[in-house]
Structure formats: C-alpha cells, structure tokens
Amino acid sequence: MPRDRRKKRDRHALTADGMVLCNPRDREAAHRAETEGIATDDRAAVTCPSCRALLYQLDKARTEDEQRSEQPRRGGSQ
C-alpha cells in the first residue's frame, strides 16, 4: 500500500474521549490521526472543514445554554 505523500494535511479536533470530532465512531481514524500528528486539542489550529463546522455548532449551543441560564425565571411568588 503506498504511503500518503501529501505535504499538507487537515488538522482534526478531538473529542473528550480522544476520538476525531468529524468521525467520532471510527476508532481507527482516531488512532491514525494521533499517530500521523494530524489531531490537535488546540481549537484554533483545526483546519478540517467538518471539524470546524462542528466546533462552531458546539460553541453556539454552549453560549445559548449560558444565556438561557442567566435569564431571570418568570413566574414564581408575587
């Protein structure tokens, strides 16, 4: 099997479980990303378009949850 000769590879984000964010069920992909040095925990260094889109969605959901928790609750005793 020929070796991958690409000079520039996409850098993938990792989940908390150590899996590739854009392919979280494939353990082989996670292992390959780790051994080939294309996996990173640094969110700013991610170049994979799928991982970047998923990171954006996660950040958006997190900020919406924070905003929801900061809003005063309506109702209660008056």
Protein backbone atom coordinates (compact mmCIF):
# COMPACT_ATOMS: atom_id res chain seq x y z
CA MET A 1 0.00 0.00 0.00
CA PRO A 2 1.53 3.37 -0.98
CA ARG A 3 2.28 5.88 1.75
CA ASP A 4 0.36 9.14 1.83
CA ARG A 5 2.65 11.73 0.27
CA ARG A 6 0.58 14.85 0.82
CA LYS A 7 2.67 17.66 2.26
CA LYS A 8 -0.16 19.49 3.99
CA ARG A 9 -2.88 17.60 5.86
CA ASP A 10 -6.01 18.83 7.62
CA ARG A 11 -5.72 19.03 11.39
CA HIS A 12 -8.66 17.45 13.20
CA ALA A 13 -10.23 18.30 16.54
CA LEU A 14 -10.52 15.62 19.20
CA THR A 15 -13.49 14.91 21.46
CA ALA A 16 -13.13 14.47 25.20
CA ASP A 17 -12.95 10.71 24.54
CA GLY A 18 -9.99 11.14 22.18
CA MET A 19 -11.99 10.50 19.02
CA VAL A 20 -11.87 12.63 15.87
CA LEU A 21 -14.74 15.13 16.05
CA CYS A 22 -15.88 14.75 12.44
CA ASN A 23 -15.86 10.93 12.67
CA PRO A 24 -16.45 10.04 16.34
CA ARG A 25 -17.33 6.36 15.87
CA ASP A 26 -14.21 5.36 13.91
CA ARG A 27 -11.52 4.30 16.37
CA GLU A 28 -9.09 3.60 13.54
CA ALA A 29 -9.42 7.19 12.29
CA ALA A 30 -8.67 8.48 15.78
CA HIS A 31 -5.61 6.26 16.07
CA ARG A 32 -4.40 7.25 12.59
CA ALA A 33 -4.87 10.95 13.36
CA GLU A 34 -2.89 10.60 16.58
CA THR A 35 -0.01 8.65 15.05
CA GLU A 36 0.25 10.83 11.93
CA GLY A 37 0.20 14.00 14.03
CA ILE A 38 -2.92 15.48 12.43
CA ALA A 39 -5.02 15.56 15.61
CA THR A 40 -4.96 18.53 17.96
CA ASP A 41 -6.60 19.78 21.14
CA ASP A 42 -5.96 23.39 20.09
CA ARG A 43 -9.25 24.68 18.66
CA ALA A 44 -7.50 27.48 16.75
CA ALA A 45 -5.24 25.01 14.91
CA VAL A 46 -8.08 22.91 13.45
CA THR A 47 -8.21 23.07 9.62
CA CYS A 48 -10.66 20.25 8.80
CA PRO A 49 -13.82 21.93 7.45
CA SER A 50 -16.12 19.35 9.07
CA CYS A 51 -14.43 19.66 12.46
CA ARG A 52 -14.52 23.47 12.28
CA ALA A 53 -18.26 23.42 11.50
CA LEU A 54 -18.92 21.06 14.41
CA LEU A 55 -16.82 23.20 16.77
CA TYR A 56 -18.84 26.25 15.70
CA GLN A 57 -22.10 24.41 16.41
CA LEU A 58 -20.84 23.29 19.82
CA ASP A 59 -19.75 26.83 20.72
CA LYS A 60 -23.08 28.25 19.57
CA ALA A 61 -25.04 25.72 21.63
CA ARG A 62 -22.85 26.40 24.67
CA THR A 63 -23.39 30.18 24.51
CA GLU A 64 -27.15 29.70 24.06
CA ASP A 65 -27.21 27.47 27.16
CA GLU A 66 -25.26 30.07 29.13
CA GLN A 67 -27.60 32.84 28.04
CA ARG A 68 -30.62 30.74 28.97
CA SER A 69 -29.23 30.05 32.43
CA GLU A 70 -28.51 33.77 33.03
CA GLN A 71 -32.06 34.93 32.23
CA PRO A 72 -34.30 35.50 35.25
CA ARG A 73 -37.09 32.98 35.63
CA ARG A 74 -40.60 34.18 35.13
CA GLY A 75 -43.47 33.30 37.40
CA GLY A 76 -42.99 32.33 40.98
CA SER A 77 -44.45 34.09 44.01
CA GLN A 78 -45.84 37.60 43.67
